[in-house]
Amino acid sequence: MEPVAASRLLVPSTTGVAFDDEYSRLRWNAGSALLTRRLGYGVLLAVAFCLLVVVAGALHDRHVLAVGVLVGLALAGFVRQMLRAAAGRRVVWRLCSRLPWREVPAEVFRAGREGVVSVSLDGRTVQFDLRLRNGAASIGEQGRVWLCGPDERGRVLIRVAGATGGHRARTRREPLAEPVVSRRSGGGTAPVVLAVALLCLAVGAAALVPGWRRNSLVAMVTGDVLVFVGLVLLFAVVRFAMLRASRKLANAPRQTCSTFRLLSWSPGRLLRGPLTGELELPGGTWRIEARKAPLDLVANVRAGATVWVAGTAGRVAIGVAGDPRLVAAKMSRTR
């Protein structure tokens, strides 16, 4: 991907506190709406779990109780995710409501799930633990990030040029002595995880079906647990496969357009919505229609970032230079 001048990428506002930035506020409001919806789903799961337990106790039916165990496992995982999200939003609120964004030089020491970023802060070098997936390339090209923090506990929000959201990070207690090679994240373990997921599903089904017929509570609960674990692992494998496919698509032949005119964009859930625009390519003007264009893409287009297209006509992928994430779109010639 070709480097792009910093002025061509979206940058946060550095006046006032972090929440004074337009996109920080949009992200916060969208997160609040999403958390409210998820809370409603959690209440429904809790009600279903309680009803199943009451019915199983009243009817002395082990089959109903086995279904209740499966719903209870889903509820436990859901509650865990909700608590993590609430704790993360609490940290973001405390930082953004008191501190501004400030631009600092940065260097990537390690990318991946155990990423480390080194920044020059107030005349000294500080390292932060940060999961770097999409932002590592941009930091390497720009050599800078925006910080909100750190607070008295070493917590900080890091925002990369071209992104509208910040990443929570924490000051590293033991700094690395020298940069290290980026670690691989998930590529070598995906086949193993897939095999374990399929094994859990097979063994769980083998225990669940006979246990259901024999009315054995132990067998049904064991099957429930194994099936639940298998589904969770299978979801992780599918998610990694989609990420890998996106990275391969990013390396496909692409054309960089000279201008992109945004015609319309309506944000929906998760700040994604239908986008319509026109771009100039060699040979004429083309119309772009994307069903789920994210806020990051729209914000960068409004800031004047270069838009490039992977593919030719028909189904293509569009993105902005400096951000490896792609958006599926439909391209047709207008004139």
Protein backbone atom coordinates (compact mmCIF):
# COMPACT_ATOMS: atom_id res chain seq x y z
CA MET A 1 0.00 0.00 0.00
CA GLU A 2 1.36 3.38 -0.95
CA PRO A 3 2.25 5.85 1.83
CA VAL A 4 -0.03 8.86 2.08
CA ALA A 5 0.83 12.26 3.46
CA ALA A 6 -0.53 12.91 6.93
CA SER A 7 -2.63 15.79 5.66
CA ARG A 8 -4.51 13.33 3.44
CA LEU A 9 -5.57 11.18 6.40
CA LEU A 10 -8.17 11.79 9.04
CA VAL A 11 -6.69 13.23 12.23
CA PRO A 12 -8.46 13.90 15.54
CA SER A 13 -9.17 17.32 16.92
CA THR A 14 -6.58 18.40 19.48
CA THR A 15 -8.58 21.20 21.09
CA GLY A 16 -10.35 20.62 24.39
CA VAL A 17 -10.91 17.15 25.81
CA ALA A 18 -11.01 14.04 23.62
CA PHE A 19 -14.81 14.02 23.56
CA ASP A 20 -14.75 17.39 21.76
CA ASP A 21 -13.63 15.48 18.67
CA GLU A 22 -16.64 14.78 16.43
CA TYR A 23 -15.86 11.15 15.75
CA SER A 24 -14.97 10.31 19.34
CA ARG A 25 -18.43 11.47 20.35
CA LEU A 26 -20.06 9.49 17.51
CA ARG A 27 -18.22 6.36 18.56
CA TRP A 28 -19.29 6.81 22.17
CA ASN A 29 -22.96 7.33 21.30
CA ALA A 30 -22.99 4.31 18.99
CA GLY A 31 -21.36 2.20 21.69
CA SER A 32 -24.00 3.30 24.20
CA ALA A 33 -26.81 2.29 21.84
CA LEU A 34 -25.17 -1.07 21.16
CA LEU A 35 -24.66 -1.75 24.87
CA THR A 36 -28.33 -0.99 25.52
CA ARG A 37 -29.44 -3.46 22.86
CA ARG A 38 -27.11 -6.14 24.20
CA LEU A 39 -28.45 -5.57 27.68
CA GLY A 40 -31.93 -6.28 26.35
CA TYR A 41 -30.70 -9.53 24.79
CA GLY A 42 -29.10 -10.48 28.10
CA VAL A 43 -32.37 -9.89 29.95
CA LEU A 44 -34.18 -12.16 27.48
CA LEU A 45 -31.57 -14.89 27.99
CA ALA A 46 -31.86 -14.57 31.77
CA VAL A 47 -35.67 -14.80 31.63
CA ALA A 48 -35.47 -17.87 29.38
CA PHE A 49 -32.96 -19.52 31.72
CA CYS A 50 -35.12 -18.88 34.79
CA LEU A 51 -38.25 -20.19 33.03
CA LEU A 52 -36.48 -23.36 31.93
CA VAL A 53 -35.21 -24.02 35.46
CA VAL A 54 -38.66 -23.43 36.97
CA VAL A 55 -40.37 -25.66 34.40
CA ALA A 56 -37.75 -28.39 34.85
CA GLY A 57 -38.23 -28.29 38.62
CA ALA A 58 -42.02 -28.33 38.37
CA LEU A 59 -42.20 -31.15 35.83
CA HIS A 60 -39.09 -33.01 37.02
CA ASP A 61 -38.05 -33.17 33.38
CA ARG A 62 -34.35 -33.68 32.75
CA HIS A 63 -34.67 -32.79 29.08
CA VAL A 64 -35.86 -29.29 29.93
CA LEU A 65 -33.08 -28.99 32.51
CA ALA A 66 -30.48 -29.97 29.89
CA VAL A 67 -31.74 -27.22 27.59
CA GLY A 68 -31.56 -24.84 30.56
CA VAL A 69 -27.91 -25.76 31.08
CA LEU A 70 -27.11 -24.85 27.47
CA VAL A 71 -28.94 -21.52 27.82
CA GLY A 72 -27.11 -20.93 31.11
CA LEU A 73 -23.73 -21.42 29.43
CA ALA A 74 -24.69 -18.91 26.75
CA LEU A 75 -25.86 -16.50 29.46
CA ALA A 76 -22.58 -16.85 31.39
CA GLY A 77 -20.53 -16.07 28.28
CA PHE A 78 -22.79 -13.15 27.46
CA VAL A 79 -22.48 -11.69 30.97
CA ARG A 80 -18.69 -12.00 30.79
CA GLN A 81 -18.58 -10.06 27.53
CA MET A 82 -20.94 -7.40 28.90
CA LEU A 83 -18.81 -6.91 32.01
CA ARG A 84 -15.66 -6.56 29.90
CA ALA A 85 -17.37 -4.04 27.63
CA ALA A 86 -18.68 -2.04 30.58
CA ALA A 87 -15.25 -1.96 32.23
CA GLY A 88 -13.63 -0.84 28.97
CA ARG A 89 -16.18 1.94 28.45
CA ARG A 90 -15.59 3.13 32.01
CA VAL A 91 -11.89 3.55 31.25
CA VAL A 92 -12.64 5.34 27.97
CA TRP A 93 -15.06 7.71 29.71
CA ARG A 94 -12.57 8.61 32.42
CA LEU A 95 -9.84 9.34 29.89
CA CYS A 96 -11.86 11.14 27.21
CA SER A 97 -13.82 13.32 29.64
CA ARG A 98 -10.66 14.73 31.27
CA LEU A 99 -7.78 14.63 28.78
CA PRO A 100 -7.20 15.89 25.20
CA TRP A 101 -5.73 14.14 22.17
CA ARG A 102 -2.07 15.00 21.61
CA GLU A 103 0.19 14.04 18.75
CA VAL A 104 3.41 12.18 19.59
CA PRO A 105 6.10 10.34 17.57
CA ALA A 106 5.63 6.56 17.64
CA GLU A 107 7.34 3.35 16.57
CA VAL A 108 6.01 -0.21 16.41
CA PHE A 109 8.16 -2.58 18.43
CA ARG A 110 5.91 -5.60 17.98
CA ALA A 111 2.64 -6.14 16.11
CA GLY A 112 -0.08 -8.70 16.70
CA ARG A 113 -2.01 -9.73 19.78
CA GLU A 114 0.98 -8.88 22.00
CA GLY A 115 1.83 -5.63 20.27
CA VAL A 116 4.10 -2.98 21.76
CA VAL A 117 4.24 0.67 20.68
CA SER A 118 7.03 3.03 21.71
CA VAL A 119 6.22 6.76 21.88
CA SER A 120 8.16 9.88 22.79
CA LEU A 121 6.21 11.46 25.63
CA ASP A 122 7.31 14.62 27.48
CA GLY A 123 10.96 14.11 26.56
CA ARG A 124 11.12 10.42 27.49
CA THR A 125 10.41 7.15 25.71
CA VAL A 126 7.42 5.17 26.94
CA GLN A 127 6.20 1.79 25.73
CA PHE A 128 2.58 0.66 25.73
CA ASP A 129 1.09 -2.81 25.38
CA LEU A 130 -1.36 -2.64 22.50
CA ARG A 131 -2.98 -5.23 20.23
CA LEU A 132 -1.96 -4.09 16.75
CA ARG A 133 -3.87 -5.57 13.84
CA ASN A 134 -4.94 -2.86 11.42
CA GLY A 135 -2.95 0.04 12.80
CA ALA A 136 0.62 -1.25 12.60
CA ALA A 137 1.12 -0.36 8.93
CA SER A 138 -0.24 3.14 9.42
CA ILE A 139 2.01 3.78 12.43
CA GLY A 140 5.00 2.54 10.45
CA GLU A 141 4.22 4.89 7.55
CA GLN A 142 3.25 7.96 9.56
CA GLY A 143 5.60 7.53 12.52
CA ARG A 144 3.09 9.08 14.93
CA VAL A 145 -0.05 8.43 16.95
CA TRP A 146 -2.49 10.46 19.03
CA LEU A 147 -2.66 9.82 22.77
CA CYS A 148 -5.38 10.50 25.30
CA GLY A 149 -3.62 9.97 28.61
CA PRO A 150 -1.91 8.34 30.32
CA ASP A 151 -3.74 8.66 33.63
CA GLU A 152 -2.36 7.99 37.09
CA ARG A 153 -2.66 4.22 36.52
CA GLY A 154 -0.82 4.23 33.20
CA ARG A 155 -3.93 3.71 31.04
CA VAL A 156 -4.09 5.44 27.68
CA LEU A 157 -6.12 5.63 24.48
CA ILE A 158 -4.10 5.41 21.26
CA ARG A 159 -5.56 6.62 17.99
CA VAL A 160 -3.94 6.06 14.60
CA ALA A 161 -4.15 8.51 11.71
CA GLY A 162 -7.04 7.54 9.49
CA ALA A 163 -9.06 5.85 12.26
CA THR A 164 -11.99 7.33 14.17
CA GLY A 165 -11.74 5.06 17.20
CA GLY A 166 -9.11 4.74 19.91
CA HIS A 167 -7.44 1.59 21.25
CA ARG A 168 -7.04 1.08 24.98
CA ALA A 169 -3.47 0.42 26.07
CA ARG A 170 -1.42 0.29 29.25
CA THR A 171 2.10 1.40 30.10
CA ARG A 172 4.53 -1.50 29.85
CA ARG A 173 6.29 -2.26 33.13
CA GLU A 174 9.36 -3.86 31.55
CA PRO A 175 10.28 -2.03 28.32
CA LEU A 176 11.73 -4.03 25.45
CA ALA A 177 15.40 -3.36 24.81
CA GLU A 178 15.15 -3.43 21.00
CA PRO A 179 12.51 -3.88 18.29
CA VAL A 180 11.50 -7.47 17.60
CA VAL A 181 10.05 -9.18 14.57
CA SER A 182 6.26 -9.17 14.42
CA ARG A 183 4.75 -12.37 15.69
CA ARG A 184 2.30 -14.37 13.67
CA SER A 185 -1.23 -14.14 15.01
CA GLY A 186 -3.42 -17.18 14.62
CA GLY A 187 -2.24 -18.50 11.25
CA GLY A 188 -0.45 -21.60 12.56
CA THR A 189 -3.04 -22.51 15.18
CA ALA A 190 -6.17 -22.18 13.02
CA PRO A 191 -6.10 -25.81 11.73
CA VAL A 192 -5.57 -27.11 15.26
CA VAL A 193 -8.43 -25.01 16.63
CA LEU A 194 -10.68 -26.19 13.79
CA ALA A 195 -9.83 -29.83 14.53
CA VAL A 196 -10.55 -29.35 18.25
CA ALA A 197 -13.84 -27.60 17.44
CA LEU A 198 -15.00 -30.41 15.17
CA LEU A 199 -13.93 -33.00 17.74
CA CYS A 200 -15.88 -31.24 20.49
CA LEU A 201 -18.96 -31.04 18.28
CA ALA A 202 -18.73 -34.72 17.32
CA VAL A 203 -18.15 -35.99 20.86
CA GLY A 204 -20.78 -33.63 22.23
CA ALA A 205 -23.37 -34.86 19.72
CA ALA A 206 -22.40 -38.47 20.45
CA ALA A 207 -23.01 -37.88 24.15
CA LEU A 208 -26.07 -35.67 23.78
CA VAL A 209 -28.21 -37.81 21.46
CA PRO A 210 -27.98 -41.11 23.42
CA GLY A 211 -28.27 -39.21 26.69
CA TRP A 212 -31.42 -37.51 25.44
CA ARG A 213 -32.92 -40.89 24.55
CA ARG A 214 -31.94 -42.53 27.85
CA ASN A 215 -32.95 -39.45 29.85
CA SER A 216 -29.43 -39.29 31.35
CA LEU A 217 -28.77 -35.86 32.85
CA VAL A 218 -24.99 -36.36 33.07
CA ALA A 219 -24.71 -37.32 29.40
CA MET A 220 -26.93 -34.45 28.28
CA VAL A 221 -25.02 -31.86 30.32
CA THR A 222 -21.68 -33.23 29.08
CA GLY A 223 -22.94 -33.00 25.52
CA ASP A 224 -24.19 -29.46 26.09
CA VAL A 225 -20.80 -28.32 27.37
CA LEU A 226 -18.86 -29.94 24.52
CA VAL A 227 -21.22 -28.59 21.86
CA PHE A 228 -21.00 -25.10 23.37
CA VAL A 229 -17.18 -25.19 23.41
CA GLY A 230 -17.12 -26.49 19.84
CA LEU A 231 -19.39 -23.71 18.60
CA VAL A 232 -17.26 -21.04 20.29
CA LEU A 233 -14.06 -22.43 18.73
CA LEU A 234 -15.73 -22.78 15.34
CA PHE A 235 -16.83 -19.15 15.47
CA ALA A 236 -13.23 -18.11 16.20
CA VAL A 237 -11.98 -20.10 13.18
CA VAL A 238 -14.59 -18.57 10.88
CA ARG A 239 -13.68 -15.10 12.10
CA PHE A 240 -9.99 -15.71 11.39
CA ALA A 241 -10.81 -17.09 7.92
CA MET A 242 -12.74 -13.92 7.07
CA LEU A 243 -9.82 -11.77 8.26
CA ARG A 244 -7.38 -13.79 6.18
CA ALA A 245 -9.58 -13.48 3.10
CA SER A 246 -9.70 -9.71 3.60
CA ARG A 247 -5.90 -9.56 3.75
CA LYS A 248 -5.58 -11.55 0.53
CA LEU A 249 -8.05 -9.26 -1.17
CA ALA A 250 -5.99 -6.27 -0.06
CA ASN A 251 -3.10 -7.63 -2.15
CA ALA A 252 -5.24 -7.99 -5.29
CA PRO A 253 -4.62 -5.72 -8.30
CA ARG A 254 -6.11 -2.32 -7.60
CA GLN A 255 -6.55 1.08 -9.16
CA THR A 256 -6.10 4.33 -7.26
CA CYS A 257 -8.72 6.87 -8.22
CA SER A 258 -7.97 10.57 -8.43
CA THR A 259 -11.18 11.90 -6.90
CA PHE A 260 -14.12 10.43 -5.01
CA ARG A 261 -17.37 12.32 -4.55
CA LEU A 262 -19.52 11.18 -1.66
CA LEU A 263 -23.20 11.39 -2.63
CA SER A 264 -24.90 9.88 0.42
CA TRP A 265 -24.23 7.84 3.57
CA SER A 266 -26.74 6.84 6.24
CA PRO A 267 -25.19 5.45 9.44
CA GLY A 268 -26.98 2.46 10.90
CA ARG A 269 -26.09 0.01 13.62
CA LEU A 270 -22.41 -0.16 14.54
CA LEU A 271 -21.87 3.04 12.51
CA ARG A 272 -22.23 1.14 9.24
CA GLY A 273 -24.66 2.09 6.52
CA PRO A 274 -25.34 2.34 2.78
CA LEU A 275 -22.92 4.55 0.85
CA THR A 276 -23.23 5.97 -2.64
CA GLY A 277 -20.53 7.89 -4.46
CA GLU A 278 -18.77 8.53 -7.75
CA LEU A 279 -15.11 8.17 -8.59
CA GLU A 280 -12.96 9.12 -11.53
CA LEU A 281 -10.88 6.36 -13.10
CA PRO A 282 -9.03 6.17 -16.41
CA GLY A 283 -11.79 5.71 -18.94
CA GLY A 284 -14.65 7.53 -17.27
CA THR A 285 -16.77 8.02 -14.18
CA TRP A 286 -17.94 5.08 -12.08
CA ARG A 287 -20.70 4.80 -9.49
CA ILE A 288 -19.92 3.06 -6.20
CA GLU A 289 -22.60 1.52 -3.98
CA ALA A 290 -21.69 -0.15 -0.68
CA ARG A 291 -24.29 -1.63 1.67
CA LYS A 292 -22.25 -1.51 4.88
CA ALA A 293 -19.71 1.29 4.66
CA PRO A 294 -18.09 2.01 8.07
CA LEU A 295 -17.57 5.40 9.66
CA ASP A 296 -13.79 5.21 9.17
CA LEU A 297 -14.13 5.02 5.39
CA VAL A 298 -16.62 7.89 5.21
CA ALA A 299 -14.61 10.10 7.56
CA ASN A 300 -11.43 9.59 5.54
CA VAL A 301 -13.25 10.35 2.30
CA ARG A 302 -14.55 13.58 3.79
CA ALA A 303 -11.01 14.43 4.91
CA GLY A 304 -9.71 14.04 1.36
CA ALA A 305 -7.94 10.69 1.65
CA THR A 306 -7.14 8.76 -1.53
CA VAL A 307 -9.62 5.98 -2.30
CA TRP A 308 -8.52 2.85 -4.13
CA VAL A 309 -10.43 -0.02 -5.68
CA ALA A 310 -9.55 -3.74 -5.68
CA GLY A 311 -10.98 -5.32 -8.83
CA THR A 312 -12.48 -3.91 -12.01
CA ALA A 313 -16.22 -3.68 -12.70
CA GLY A 314 -19.07 -5.40 -10.89
CA ARG A 315 -18.29 -6.60 -7.36
CA VAL A 316 -15.21 -4.82 -6.02
CA ALA A 317 -13.64 -3.82 -2.73
CA ILE A 318 -12.87 -0.23 -1.79
CA GLY A 319 -10.68 1.25 0.90
CA VAL A 320 -8.57 4.25 1.81
CA ALA A 321 -4.81 4.39 1.67
CA GLY A 322 -3.33 3.90 5.11
CA ASP A 323 -6.06 1.49 6.27
CA PRO A 324 -5.90 -2.18 5.13
CA ARG A 325 -9.59 -2.84 5.86
CA LEU A 326 -11.78 -3.25 2.80
CA VAL A 327 -15.48 -2.74 2.09
CA ALA A 328 -17.43 -4.80 -0.44
CA ALA A 329 -19.15 -2.61 -3.04
CA LYS A 330 -20.80 -2.63 -6.45
CA MET A 331 -19.22 -0.55 -9.23
CA SER A 332 -20.97 0.44 -12.46
CA ARG A 333 -20.09 2.92 -15.20
CA THR A 334 -22.10 6.14 -15.36
CA ARG A 335 -20.41 7.81 -18.31
